[in-house]
Amino acid sequence: MSSNNTSGSDIPDGINPDLWTAWMELRKECYPDLIEGVNPSYGYRPTLGAGIAFDVLFGICVIGHLIQLIRFRQWTSGLMMVGAITEAIGWAGRTWSAKCPYNNDAFLMQITTLIIAPTFFAAALYVLLGMLIRILGRQTSVLSAKWYAIIFCSCDVISLVIQAIGGGMASSESNKEGGDTKPGTHTMVAGIVFQLFTMTVFAVLVLDFLRRVYALAKGRRDGRGGLTRNMKLTVLALFVSFVMIYIRSVYRTVELAQGWSGYLITHEGYFIGLDATLMVISAGIFLVLDPAVLLRHEMIKVTTNGSGKEEQGTTTGNDSEGQGGVRE
């Protein structure tokens, strides 16, 4: 590397200083037209219409979950809201990039936020399963409700830290002509793979939870199901949201593993279909099937009766009113 410095960056040996200066200025300014032979960091110009549409959709999710948070004060609503805010910021960056395709700040704004936003959605699912365990009883799960939050949310934090470190490494190298972004990219992939592993374990525990619930219900003499209609709707929402996040995580793992010039990352249609659309569904399903509403009566009972309810593992109520759970 040369000791010369232009625009705050070292000029690599053999690179024309004027061309280097022009490239660095291009990445800092808003140049609206594509230059033949010079690709933006995306490998394409992001679509303005898509940026606006997803900003609106995630904005609706933010407002909806904020209203639910104010009304019912449930962690699930708060986590979904934070995730939707993060998604909206990322899509604001892509909208900015549609107007300024070479701007590096806009690119970094979207890559750092959209890679981590689903982590908040996943955390909401961990909390939601804990709510169901508190309602239906400790014997419906291998872990207690509080340990779900401790273990899986801790794993989310670890995943976020790994991805953030990788993103910082990659962005630092991207400011250098010929910089090696592979170490940072591989670190980001490691963070997503860790998140994927965590969600796989979570899926196994959800299936075990359902097995235990139905096994307990089958052993009841009245033969009634262990899950009320409202609980089944809640589990349906959890399942849909989980599948969306899981598919997206697989896609992003493959995408980043291919590198910044790979086929998936340089074709916007895959990103819209396998990331943005799936995340809208993941957050939006809880606006329609809000666990804070569906499980309100059951959670009030658990709160009223104290923490002993989780250990004893029983709830009662009128099934037609959406109350109750595993019955003795």
C-alpha atoms as a PDB file:
ATOM      1  CA  MET A   1       0.000   0.000   0.000  1.00  0.00           C
ATOM      2  CA  SER A   2       1.160   3.475  -0.778  1.00  0.00           C
ATOM      3  CA  SER A   3       1.580   6.051   1.922  1.00  0.00           C
ATOM      4  CA  ASN A   4      -0.460   8.553  -0.100  1.00  0.00           C
ATOM      5  CA  ASN A   5      -3.897   9.308   1.258  1.00  0.00           C
ATOM      6  CA  THR A   6      -6.907  10.652  -0.602  1.00  0.00           C
ATOM      7  CA  SER A   7     -10.413  11.120   0.793  1.00  0.00           C
ATOM      8  CA  GLY A   8      -9.333   9.440   3.992  1.00  0.00           C
ATOM      9  CA  SER A   9      -8.314   6.147   2.281  1.00  0.00           C
ATOM     10  CA  ASP A  10      -4.961   4.714   1.231  1.00  0.00           C
ATOM     11  CA  ILE A  11      -4.335   4.512  -2.513  1.00  0.00           C
ATOM     12  CA  PRO A  12      -3.185   1.020  -3.510  1.00  0.00           C
ATOM     13  CA  ASP A  13       0.034   0.731  -5.466  1.00  0.00           C
ATOM     14  CA  GLY A  14      -0.495   0.819  -9.213  1.00  0.00           C
ATOM     15  CA  ILE A  15      -3.825   2.643  -8.986  1.00  0.00           C
ATOM     16  CA  ASN A  16      -4.197   6.000 -10.717  1.00  0.00           C
ATOM     17  CA  PRO A  17      -4.723   8.550  -7.910  1.00  0.00           C
ATOM     18  CA  ASP A  18      -7.241  10.507  -9.971  1.00  0.00           C
ATOM     19  CA  LEU A  19      -9.323   7.404 -10.694  1.00  0.00           C
ATOM     20  CA  TRP A  20      -9.122   6.378  -7.020  1.00  0.00           C
ATOM     21  CA  THR A  21     -10.271   9.821  -5.901  1.00  0.00           C
ATOM     22  CA  ALA A  22     -13.134   9.766  -8.410  1.00  0.00           C
ATOM     23  CA  TRP A  23     -14.229   6.300  -7.172  1.00  0.00           C
ATOM     24  CA  MET A  24     -14.172   7.310  -3.506  1.00  0.00           C
ATOM     25  CA  GLU A  25     -16.093  10.503  -4.229  1.00  0.00           C
ATOM     26  CA  LEU A  26     -18.635   8.516  -6.236  1.00  0.00           C
ATOM     27  CA  ARG A  27     -19.256   6.293  -3.192  1.00  0.00           C
ATOM     28  CA  LYS A  28     -19.765   9.333  -0.938  1.00  0.00           C
ATOM     29  CA  GLU A  29     -21.943  11.476  -3.191  1.00  0.00           C
ATOM     30  CA  CYS A  30     -25.327  10.881  -4.819  1.00  0.00           C
ATOM     31  CA  TYR A  31     -24.673  10.177  -8.478  1.00  0.00           C
ATOM     32  CA  PRO A  32     -28.061   9.133  -9.926  1.00  0.00           C
ATOM     33  CA  ASP A  33     -26.979   7.586 -13.236  1.00  0.00           C
ATOM     34  CA  LEU A  34     -25.314   4.228 -13.751  1.00  0.00           C
ATOM     35  CA  ILE A  35     -21.859   4.400 -15.288  1.00  0.00           C
ATOM     36  CA  GLU A  36     -21.123   1.840 -17.966  1.00  0.00           C
ATOM     37  CA  GLY A  37     -18.620  -0.711 -16.690  1.00  0.00           C
ATOM     38  CA  VAL A  38     -18.937   0.449 -13.057  1.00  0.00           C
ATOM     39  CA  ASN A  39     -21.329  -1.665 -10.984  1.00  0.00           C
ATOM     40  CA  PRO A  40     -22.882  -0.501  -7.699  1.00  0.00           C
ATOM     41  CA  SER A  41     -22.102  -2.580  -4.610  1.00  0.00           C
ATOM     42  CA  TYR A  42     -25.346  -4.505  -5.146  1.00  0.00           C
ATOM     43  CA  GLY A  43     -24.409  -5.500  -8.690  1.00  0.00           C
ATOM     44  CA  TYR A  44     -27.603  -3.724  -9.813  1.00  0.00           C
ATOM     45  CA  ARG A  45     -29.652  -0.602  -9.106  1.00  0.00           C
ATOM     46  CA  PRO A  46     -32.262  -1.381  -6.406  1.00  0.00           C
ATOM     47  CA  THR A  47     -35.862  -0.918  -7.548  1.00  0.00           C
ATOM     48  CA  LEU A  48     -37.409   2.281  -6.225  1.00  0.00           C
ATOM     49  CA  GLY A  49     -40.932   0.855  -6.211  1.00  0.00           C
ATOM     50  CA  ALA A  50     -39.857  -2.136  -4.115  1.00  0.00           C
ATOM     51  CA  GLY A  51     -38.116   0.153  -1.633  1.00  0.00           C
ATOM     52  CA  ILE A  52     -41.188   2.317  -1.179  1.00  0.00           C
ATOM     53  CA  ALA A  53     -43.577  -0.659  -1.010  1.00  0.00           C
ATOM     54  CA  PHE A  54     -41.655  -2.517   1.690  1.00  0.00           C
ATOM     55  CA  ASP A  55     -41.059   0.656   3.679  1.00  0.00           C
ATOM     56  CA  VAL A  56     -44.836   1.140   3.727  1.00  0.00           C
ATOM     57  CA  LEU A  57     -45.492  -2.512   4.656  1.00  0.00           C
ATOM     58  CA  PHE A  58     -42.958  -2.559   7.474  1.00  0.00           C
ATOM     59  CA  GLY A  59     -44.184   0.873   8.575  1.00  0.00           C
ATOM     60  CA  ILE A  60     -47.675  -0.625   8.961  1.00  0.00           C
ATOM     61  CA  CYS A  61     -46.155  -3.434  11.024  1.00  0.00           C
ATOM     62  CA  VAL A  62     -44.372  -0.910  13.243  1.00  0.00           C
ATOM     63  CA  ILE A  63     -47.562   1.065  13.889  1.00  0.00           C
ATOM     64  CA  GLY A  64     -49.649  -2.064  14.430  1.00  0.00           C
ATOM     65  CA  HIS A  65     -47.247  -3.660  16.895  1.00  0.00           C
ATOM     66  CA  LEU A  66     -46.763  -0.327  18.680  1.00  0.00           C
ATOM     67  CA  ILE A  67     -50.526  -0.085  19.226  1.00  0.00           C
ATOM     68  CA  GLN A  68     -50.568  -3.668  20.519  1.00  0.00           C
ATOM     69  CA  LEU A  69     -47.626  -2.951  22.809  1.00  0.00           C
ATOM     70  CA  ILE A  70     -49.365   0.091  24.293  1.00  0.00           C
ATOM     71  CA  ARG A  71     -52.647  -1.799  24.749  1.00  0.00           C
ATOM     72  CA  PHE A  72     -51.389  -5.110  26.126  1.00  0.00           C
ATOM     73  CA  ARG A  73     -47.730  -4.518  27.123  1.00  0.00           C
ATOM     74  CA  GLN A  74     -46.506  -7.894  25.881  1.00  0.00           C
ATOM     75  CA  TRP A  75     -42.876  -8.576  24.988  1.00  0.00           C
ATOM     76  CA  THR A  76     -43.921 -10.254  21.742  1.00  0.00           C
ATOM     77  CA  SER A  77     -45.366  -6.984  20.413  1.00  0.00           C
ATOM     78  CA  GLY A  78     -42.288  -5.009  21.486  1.00  0.00           C
ATOM     79  CA  LEU A  79     -39.846  -7.394  19.820  1.00  0.00           C
ATOM     80  CA  MET A  80     -41.888  -7.526  16.621  1.00  0.00           C
ATOM     81  CA  MET A  81     -42.015  -3.732  16.582  1.00  0.00           C
ATOM     82  CA  VAL A  82     -38.232  -3.410  16.975  1.00  0.00           C
ATOM     83  CA  GLY A  83     -37.689  -5.936  14.199  1.00  0.00           C
ATOM     84  CA  ALA A  84     -40.099  -4.079  11.903  1.00  0.00           C
ATOM     85  CA  ILE A  85     -38.351  -0.765  12.660  1.00  0.00           C
ATOM     86  CA  THR A  86     -35.014  -2.336  11.750  1.00  0.00           C
ATOM     87  CA  GLU A  87     -36.475  -3.693   8.514  1.00  0.00           C
ATOM     88  CA  ALA A  88     -37.964  -0.284   7.674  1.00  0.00           C
ATOM     89  CA  ILE A  89     -34.578   1.409   8.194  1.00  0.00           C
ATOM     90  CA  GLY A  90     -32.959  -1.137   5.907  1.00  0.00           C
ATOM     91  CA  TRP A  91     -35.507  -0.604   3.176  1.00  0.00           C
ATOM     92  CA  ALA A  92     -35.107   3.150   3.551  1.00  0.00           C
ATOM     93  CA  GLY A  93     -31.448   2.515   2.731  1.00  0.00           C
ATOM     94  CA  ARG A  94     -32.413   0.541  -0.381  1.00  0.00           C
ATOM     95  CA  THR A  95     -34.807   3.322  -1.408  1.00  0.00           C
ATOM     96  CA  TRP A  96     -31.922   5.748  -1.004  1.00  0.00           C
ATOM     97  CA  SER A  97     -29.764   3.442  -3.123  1.00  0.00           C
ATOM     98  CA  ALA A  98     -32.392   3.446  -5.871  1.00  0.00           C
ATOM     99  CA  LYS A  99     -31.739   7.175  -6.213  1.00  0.00           C
ATOM    100  CA  CYS A 100     -28.017   7.041  -5.393  1.00  0.00           C
ATOM    101  CA  PRO A 101     -26.864   3.553  -6.491  1.00  0.00           C
ATOM    102  CA  TYR A 102     -23.166   4.109  -5.748  1.00  0.00           C
ATOM    103  CA  ASN A 103     -23.545   5.699  -2.309  1.00  0.00           C
ATOM    104  CA  ASN A 104     -21.699   3.541   0.212  1.00  0.00           C
ATOM    105  CA  ASP A 105     -23.546   4.878   3.279  1.00  0.00           C
ATOM    106  CA  ALA A 106     -26.882   3.810   1.788  1.00  0.00           C
ATOM    107  CA  PHE A 107     -25.489   0.347   1.001  1.00  0.00           C
ATOM    108  CA  LEU A 108     -24.082  -0.148   4.501  1.00  0.00           C
ATOM    109  CA  MET A 109     -27.301   1.174   6.034  1.00  0.00           C
ATOM    110  CA  GLN A 110     -29.347  -1.587   4.414  1.00  0.00           C
ATOM    111  CA  ILE A 111     -26.870  -4.463   4.684  1.00  0.00           C
ATOM    112  CA  THR A 112     -26.321  -4.036   8.423  1.00  0.00           C
ATOM    113  CA  THR A 113     -29.991  -3.658   9.340  1.00  0.00           C
ATOM    114  CA  LEU A 114     -31.624  -6.222   7.054  1.00  0.00           C
ATOM    115  CA  ILE A 115     -29.193  -8.937   8.091  1.00  0.00           C
ATOM    116  CA  ILE A 116     -30.062  -8.609  11.799  1.00  0.00           C
ATOM    117  CA  ALA A 117     -33.759  -7.605  11.785  1.00  0.00           C
ATOM    118  CA  PRO A 118     -35.157 -11.174  11.740  1.00  0.00           C
ATOM    119  CA  THR A 119     -33.292 -11.885  14.973  1.00  0.00           C
ATOM    120  CA  PHE A 120     -35.873  -9.761  16.819  1.00  0.00           C
ATOM    121  CA  PHE A 121     -38.729 -11.677  15.183  1.00  0.00           C
ATOM    122  CA  ALA A 122     -37.141 -14.953  16.284  1.00  0.00           C
ATOM    123  CA  ALA A 123     -36.802 -13.619  19.850  1.00  0.00           C
ATOM    124  CA  ALA A 124     -40.542 -12.882  19.872  1.00  0.00           C
ATOM    125  CA  LEU A 125     -41.217 -16.540  19.017  1.00  0.00           C
ATOM    126  CA  TYR A 126     -39.026 -17.711  21.906  1.00  0.00           C
ATOM    127  CA  VAL A 127     -40.962 -15.484  24.300  1.00  0.00           C
ATOM    128  CA  LEU A 128     -44.271 -16.669  22.837  1.00  0.00           C
ATOM    129  CA  LEU A 129     -43.487 -20.332  23.449  1.00  0.00           C
ATOM    130  CA  GLY A 130     -42.590 -19.413  27.018  1.00  0.00           C
ATOM    131  CA  MET A 131     -46.034 -17.810  27.399  1.00  0.00           C
ATOM    132  CA  LEU A 132     -47.720 -21.009  26.227  1.00  0.00           C
ATOM    133  CA  ILE A 133     -45.675 -23.099  28.650  1.00  0.00           C
ATOM    134  CA  ARG A 134     -46.620 -20.820  31.537  1.00  0.00           C
ATOM    135  CA  ILE A 135     -50.289 -21.229  30.619  1.00  0.00           C
ATOM    136  CA  LEU A 136     -50.332 -24.978  30.009  1.00  0.00           C
ATOM    137  CA  GLY A 137     -47.896 -26.047  32.679  1.00  0.00           C
ATOM    138  CA  ARG A 138     -44.270 -26.952  33.280  1.00  0.00           C
ATOM    139  CA  GLN A 139     -44.809 -30.598  32.296  1.00  0.00           C
ATOM    140  CA  THR A 140     -45.471 -29.542  28.682  1.00  0.00           C
ATOM    141  CA  SER A 141     -41.819 -28.666  28.107  1.00  0.00           C
ATOM    142  CA  VAL A 142     -38.348 -29.948  28.799  1.00  0.00           C
ATOM    143  CA  LEU A 143     -37.383 -26.357  29.720  1.00  0.00           C
ATOM    144  CA  SER A 144     -39.188 -23.876  31.919  1.00  0.00           C
ATOM    145  CA  ALA A 145     -40.583 -20.705  30.363  1.00  0.00           C
ATOM    146  CA  LYS A 146     -37.893 -18.457  31.856  1.00  0.00           C
ATOM    147  CA  TRP A 147     -35.102 -20.668  30.518  1.00  0.00           C
ATOM    148  CA  TYR A 148     -36.455 -20.337  26.988  1.00  0.00           C
ATOM    149  CA  ALA A 149     -35.992 -16.583  27.240  1.00  0.00           C
ATOM    150  CA  ILE A 150     -32.561 -16.863  28.883  1.00  0.00           C
ATOM    151  CA  ILE A 151     -31.073 -19.483  26.547  1.00  0.00           C
ATOM    152  CA  PHE A 152     -32.520 -18.532  23.187  1.00  0.00           C
ATOM    153  CA  CYS A 153     -32.398 -14.752  23.603  1.00  0.00           C
ATOM    154  CA  SER A 154     -28.757 -15.123  24.708  1.00  0.00           C
ATOM    155  CA  CYS A 155     -28.108 -17.101  21.535  1.00  0.00           C
ATOM    156  CA  ASP A 156     -29.759 -14.282  19.567  1.00  0.00           C
ATOM    157  CA  VAL A 157     -27.418 -11.750  21.166  1.00  0.00           C
ATOM    158  CA  ILE A 158     -24.408 -13.923  20.304  1.00  0.00           C
ATOM    159  CA  SER A 159     -25.648 -14.217  16.720  1.00  0.00           C
ATOM    160  CA  LEU A 160     -26.104 -10.449  16.492  1.00  0.00           C
ATOM    161  CA  VAL A 161     -22.611  -9.772  17.825  1.00  0.00           C
ATOM    162  CA  ILE A 162     -21.012 -12.215  15.374  1.00  0.00           C
ATOM    163  CA  GLN A 163     -22.926 -10.732  12.444  1.00  0.00           C
ATOM    164  CA  ALA A 164     -22.097  -7.173  13.537  1.00  0.00           C
ATOM    165  CA  ILE A 165     -18.386  -7.988  13.786  1.00  0.00           C
ATOM    166  CA  GLY A 166     -18.471  -9.609  10.360  1.00  0.00           C
ATOM    167  CA  GLY A 167     -20.348  -6.668   8.882  1.00  0.00           C
ATOM    168  CA  GLY A 168     -17.812  -4.232  10.319  1.00  0.00           C
ATOM    169  CA  MET A 169     -14.911  -6.236   8.922  1.00  0.00           C
ATOM    170  CA  ALA A 170     -16.514  -6.490   5.478  1.00  0.00           C
ATOM    171  CA  SER A 171     -17.452  -2.794   5.322  1.00  0.00           C
ATOM    172  CA  SER A 172     -13.935  -1.788   6.363  1.00  0.00           C
ATOM    173  CA  GLU A 173     -12.432  -3.828   3.540  1.00  0.00           C
ATOM    174  CA  SER A 174     -15.007  -2.565   1.055  1.00  0.00           C
ATOM    175  CA  ASN A 175     -13.516   0.929   1.449  1.00  0.00           C
ATOM    176  CA  LYS A 176     -10.218  -0.332   0.094  1.00  0.00           C
ATOM    177  CA  GLU A 177      -9.516  -0.901  -3.569  1.00  0.00           C
ATOM    178  CA  GLY A 178      -8.926  -4.642  -3.829  1.00  0.00           C
ATOM    179  CA  GLY A 179      -9.810  -5.104  -0.144  1.00  0.00           C
ATOM    180  CA  ASP A 180     -10.500  -8.655   1.005  1.00  0.00           C
ATOM    181  CA  THR A 181     -14.087  -8.843   2.273  1.00  0.00           C
ATOM    182  CA  LYS A 182     -14.038 -12.645   2.593  1.00  0.00           C
ATOM    183  CA  PRO A 183     -13.079 -12.834   6.308  1.00  0.00           C
ATOM    184  CA  GLY A 184     -15.887 -10.437   7.233  1.00  0.00           C
ATOM    185  CA  THR A 185     -18.347 -12.225   4.978  1.00  0.00           C
ATOM    186  CA  HIS A 186     -17.435 -15.610   6.453  1.00  0.00           C
ATOM    187  CA  THR A 187     -17.922 -14.168   9.941  1.00  0.00           C
ATOM    188  CA  MET A 188     -21.376 -12.905   8.985  1.00  0.00           C
ATOM    189  CA  VAL A 189     -22.212 -16.341   7.565  1.00  0.00           C
ATOM    190  CA  ALA A 190     -21.064 -17.916  10.836  1.00  0.00           C
ATOM    191  CA  GLY A 191     -23.482 -15.655  12.735  1.00  0.00           C
ATOM    192  CA  ILE A 192     -26.395 -16.619  10.489  1.00  0.00           C
ATOM    193  CA  VAL A 193     -25.492 -20.324  10.651  1.00  0.00           C
ATOM    194  CA  PHE A 194     -25.426 -20.079  14.456  1.00  0.00           C
ATOM    195  CA  GLN A 195     -28.870 -18.462  14.351  1.00  0.00           C
ATOM    196  CA  LEU A 196     -30.052 -21.241  12.011  1.00  0.00           C
ATOM    197  CA  PHE A 197     -28.750 -23.868  14.431  1.00  0.00           C
ATOM    198  CA  THR A 198     -30.500 -22.130  17.341  1.00  0.00           C
ATOM    199  CA  MET A 199     -33.786 -22.059  15.452  1.00  0.00           C
ATOM    200  CA  THR A 200     -33.434 -25.729  14.543  1.00  0.00           C
ATOM    201  CA  VAL A 201     -33.095 -26.610  18.225  1.00  0.00           C
ATOM    202  CA  PHE A 202     -36.080 -24.365  18.940  1.00  0.00           C
ATOM    203  CA  ALA A 203     -38.137 -26.191  16.289  1.00  0.00           C
ATOM    204  CA  VAL A 204     -37.343 -29.539  17.933  1.00  0.00           C
ATOM    205  CA  LEU A 205     -38.468 -28.163  21.301  1.00  0.00           C
ATOM    206  CA  VAL A 206     -41.699 -26.790  19.808  1.00  0.00           C
ATOM    207  CA  LEU A 207     -42.501 -30.214  18.382  1.00  0.00           C
ATOM    208  CA  ASP A 208     -41.735 -31.777  21.755  1.00  0.00           C
ATOM    209  CA  PHE A 209     -44.027 -29.211  23.408  1.00  0.00           C
ATOM    210  CA  LEU A 210     -46.907 -30.128  21.077  1.00  0.00           C
ATOM    211  CA  ARG A 211     -46.250 -33.856  21.615  1.00  0.00           C
ATOM    212  CA  ARG A 212     -46.408 -33.419  25.377  1.00  0.00           C
ATOM    213  CA  VAL A 213     -49.581 -31.302  25.208  1.00  0.00           C
ATOM    214  CA  TYR A 214     -51.463 -33.821  23.103  1.00  0.00           C
ATOM    215  CA  ALA A 215     -50.122 -36.747  25.134  1.00  0.00           C
ATOM    216  CA  LEU A 216     -51.451 -35.132  28.302  1.00  0.00           C
ATOM    217  CA  ALA A 217     -54.798 -34.369  26.673  1.00  0.00           C
ATOM    218  CA  LYS A 218     -55.090 -37.937  25.360  1.00  0.00           C
ATOM    219  CA  GLY A 219     -54.682 -39.228  28.902  1.00  0.00           C
ATOM    220  CA  ARG A 220     -57.632 -37.171  30.165  1.00  0.00           C
ATOM    221  CA  ARG A 221     -60.810 -39.092  30.755  1.00  0.00           C
ATOM    222  CA  ASP A 222     -62.969 -36.417  29.121  1.00  0.00           C
ATOM    223  CA  GLY A 223     -60.908 -36.781  25.917  1.00  0.00           C
ATOM    224  CA  ARG A 224     -60.859 -33.016  25.273  1.00  0.00           C
ATOM    225  CA  GLY A 225     -57.948 -31.426  23.444  1.00  0.00           C
ATOM    226  CA  GLY A 226     -55.118 -29.756  25.286  1.00  0.00           C
ATOM    227  CA  LEU A 227     -55.190 -26.597  23.170  1.00  0.00           C
ATOM    228  CA  THR A 228     -58.142 -24.243  22.951  1.00  0.00           C
ATOM    229  CA  ARG A 229     -59.075 -22.622  19.655  1.00  0.00           C
ATOM    230  CA  ASN A 230     -57.212 -19.435  20.567  1.00  0.00           C
ATOM    231  CA  MET A 231     -54.116 -21.391  21.530  1.00  0.00           C
ATOM    232  CA  LYS A 232     -54.223 -23.289  18.245  1.00  0.00           C
ATOM    233  CA  LEU A 233     -54.403 -19.994  16.362  1.00  0.00           C
ATOM    234  CA  THR A 234     -51.426 -18.754  18.365  1.00  0.00           C
ATOM    235  CA  VAL A 235     -49.432 -21.893  17.547  1.00  0.00           C
ATOM    236  CA  LEU A 236     -50.418 -21.474  13.871  1.00  0.00           C
ATOM    237  CA  ALA A 237     -49.056 -17.910  13.882  1.00  0.00           C
ATOM    238  CA  LEU A 238     -45.875 -19.096  15.591  1.00  0.00           C
ATOM    239  CA  PHE A 239     -45.452 -21.859  12.994  1.00  0.00           C
ATOM    240  CA  VAL A 240     -45.989 -19.554  10.000  1.00  0.00           C
ATOM    241  CA  SER A 241     -43.612 -16.904  11.353  1.00  0.00           C
ATOM    242  CA  PHE A 242     -40.986 -19.511  12.228  1.00  0.00           C
ATOM    243  CA  VAL A 243     -41.048 -21.125   8.770  1.00  0.00           C
ATOM    244  CA  MET A 244     -40.660 -17.706   7.112  1.00  0.00           C
ATOM    245  CA  ILE A 245     -37.639 -16.829   9.261  1.00  0.00           C
ATOM    246  CA  TYR A 246     -36.080 -20.257   8.758  1.00  0.00           C
ATOM    247  CA  ILE A 247     -36.391 -20.159   4.956  1.00  0.00           C
ATOM    248  CA  ARG A 248     -34.957 -16.658   4.938  1.00  0.00           C
ATOM    249  CA  SER A 249     -32.006 -17.723   7.101  1.00  0.00           C
ATOM    250  CA  VAL A 250     -31.196 -20.593   4.727  1.00  0.00           C
ATOM    251  CA  TYR A 251     -31.357 -18.195   1.776  1.00  0.00           C
ATOM    252  CA  ARG A 252     -29.104 -15.585   3.402  1.00  0.00           C
ATOM    253  CA  THR A 253     -26.601 -18.268   4.403  1.00  0.00           C
ATOM    254  CA  VAL A 254     -26.290 -19.475   0.813  1.00  0.00           C
ATOM    255  CA  GLU A 255     -26.322 -15.912  -0.525  1.00  0.00           C
ATOM    256  CA  LEU A 256     -23.430 -14.704   1.627  1.00  0.00           C
ATOM    257  CA  ALA A 257     -21.531 -17.966   1.180  1.00  0.00           C
ATOM    258  CA  GLN A 258     -21.449 -17.198  -2.561  1.00  0.00           C
ATOM    259  CA  GLY A 259     -19.759 -13.866  -1.805  1.00  0.00           C
ATOM    260  CA  TRP A 260     -20.563 -10.256  -2.679  1.00  0.00           C
ATOM    261  CA  SER A 261     -20.423 -10.980  -6.405  1.00  0.00           C
ATOM    262  CA  GLY A 262     -22.387 -14.252  -6.214  1.00  0.00           C
ATOM    263  CA  TYR A 263     -25.473 -15.008  -8.267  1.00  0.00           C
ATOM    264  CA  LEU A 264     -28.066 -14.657  -5.489  1.00  0.00           C
ATOM    265  CA  ILE A 265     -26.806 -11.388  -4.043  1.00  0.00           C
ATOM    266  CA  THR A 266     -26.623  -9.728  -7.483  1.00  0.00           C
ATOM    267  CA  HIS A 267     -30.204 -10.609  -8.467  1.00  0.00           C
ATOM    268  CA  GLU A 268     -32.777  -8.501  -6.624  1.00  0.00           C
ATOM    269  CA  GLY A 269     -35.731 -10.811  -7.287  1.00  0.00           C
ATOM    270  CA  TYR A 270     -34.364 -13.467  -4.935  1.00  0.00           C
ATOM    271  CA  PHE A 271     -33.887 -10.913  -2.173  1.00  0.00           C
ATOM    272  CA  ILE A 272     -37.429  -9.576  -2.554  1.00  0.00           C
ATOM    273  CA  GLY A 273     -38.978 -13.053  -2.679  1.00  0.00           C
ATOM    274  CA  LEU A 274     -36.859 -14.895  -0.111  1.00  0.00           C
ATOM    275  CA  ASP A 275     -36.150 -12.126   2.391  1.00  0.00           C
ATOM    276  CA  ALA A 276     -38.407  -9.068   2.255  1.00  0.00           C
ATOM    277  CA  THR A 277     -41.687 -10.824   1.464  1.00  0.00           C
ATOM    278  CA  LEU A 278     -41.067 -13.565   4.027  1.00  0.00           C
ATOM    279  CA  MET A 279     -40.261 -11.022   6.742  1.00  0.00           C
ATOM    280  CA  VAL A 280     -43.444  -9.061   6.035  1.00  0.00           C
ATOM    281  CA  ILE A 281     -45.412 -12.289   6.522  1.00  0.00           C
ATOM    282  CA  SER A 282     -43.410 -13.164   9.648  1.00  0.00           C
ATOM    283  CA  ALA A 283     -44.239  -9.845  11.320  1.00  0.00           C
ATOM    284  CA  GLY A 284     -47.659  -9.317   9.736  1.00  0.00           C
ATOM    285  CA  ILE A 285     -49.164 -12.637  10.854  1.00  0.00           C
ATOM    286  CA  PHE A 286     -49.063 -11.377  14.449  1.00  0.00           C
ATOM    287  CA  LEU A 287     -51.124  -8.332  13.511  1.00  0.00           C
ATOM    288  CA  VAL A 288     -53.896 -10.711  12.459  1.00  0.00           C
ATOM    289  CA  LEU A 289     -53.337 -13.385  15.105  1.00  0.00           C
ATOM    290  CA  ASP A 290     -52.041 -11.342  18.022  1.00  0.00           C
ATOM    291  CA  PRO A 291     -51.078 -13.593  20.963  1.00  0.00           C
ATOM    292  CA  ALA A 292     -51.576 -10.671  23.341  1.00  0.00           C
ATOM    293  CA  VAL A 293     -55.275 -10.754  22.376  1.00  0.00           C
ATOM    294  CA  LEU A 294     -55.702 -14.495  21.888  1.00  0.00           C
ATOM    295  CA  LEU A 295     -54.018 -15.437  25.165  1.00  0.00           C
ATOM    296  CA  ARG A 296     -55.143 -12.462  27.230  1.00  0.00           C
ATOM    297  CA  HIS A 297     -57.523 -14.346  29.540  1.00  0.00           C
ATOM    298  CA  GLU A 298     -55.068 -17.196  30.103  1.00  0.00           C
ATOM    299  CA  MET A 299     -52.194 -14.835  30.882  1.00  0.00           C
ATOM    300  CA  ILE A 300     -54.374 -12.922  33.334  1.00  0.00           C
ATOM    301  CA  LYS A 301     -55.081 -16.188  35.144  1.00  0.00           C
ATOM    302  CA  VAL A 302     -51.406 -17.108  35.268  1.00  0.00           C
ATOM    303  CA  THR A 303     -50.510 -13.657  36.594  1.00  0.00           C
ATOM    304  CA  THR A 304     -53.330 -13.741  39.138  1.00  0.00           C
ATOM    305  CA  ASN A 305     -52.482 -17.226  40.404  1.00  0.00           C
ATOM    306  CA  GLY A 306     -48.744 -16.573  40.545  1.00  0.00           C
ATOM    307  CA  SER A 307     -45.702 -18.478  39.346  1.00  0.00           C
ATOM    308  CA  GLY A 308     -46.961 -21.681  40.950  1.00  0.00           C
ATOM    309  CA  LYS A 309     -49.269 -22.179  37.982  1.00  0.00           C
ATOM    310  CA  GLU A 310     -46.327 -22.911  35.721  1.00  0.00           C
ATOM    311  CA  GLU A 311     -45.026 -25.555  38.061  1.00  0.00           C
ATOM    312  CA  GLN A 312     -48.414 -27.168  38.676  1.00  0.00           C
ATOM    313  CA  GLY A 313     -49.291 -27.159  34.976  1.00  0.00           C
ATOM    314  CA  THR A 314     -53.046 -26.643  34.945  1.00  0.00           C
ATOM    315  CA  THR A 315     -55.405 -24.031  33.611  1.00  0.00           C
ATOM    316  CA  THR A 316     -59.142 -24.093  33.504  1.00  0.00           C
ATOM    317  CA  GLY A 317     -61.856 -22.218  31.740  1.00  0.00           C
ATOM    318  CA  ASN A 318     -64.651 -22.334  29.204  1.00  0.00           C
ATOM    319  CA  ASP A 319     -63.376 -23.631  25.863  1.00  0.00           C
ATOM    320  CA  SER A 320     -66.046 -21.772  23.931  1.00  0.00           C
ATOM    321  CA  GLU A 321     -64.650 -18.525  25.270  1.00  0.00           C
ATOM    322  CA  GLY A 322     -61.126 -19.386  24.232  1.00  0.00           C
ATOM    323  CA  GLN A 323     -59.982 -19.922  27.812  1.00  0.00           C
ATOM    324  CA  GLY A 324     -58.273 -22.853  29.464  1.00  0.00           C
ATOM    325  CA  GLY A 325     -55.740 -25.412  28.343  1.00  0.00           C
ATOM    326  CA  VAL A 326     -54.738 -28.885  29.482  1.00  0.00           C
ATOM    327  CA  ARG A 327     -57.546 -29.996  31.739  1.00  0.00           C
ATOM    328  CA  GLU A 328     -57.484 -32.426  34.611  1.00  0.00           C
END
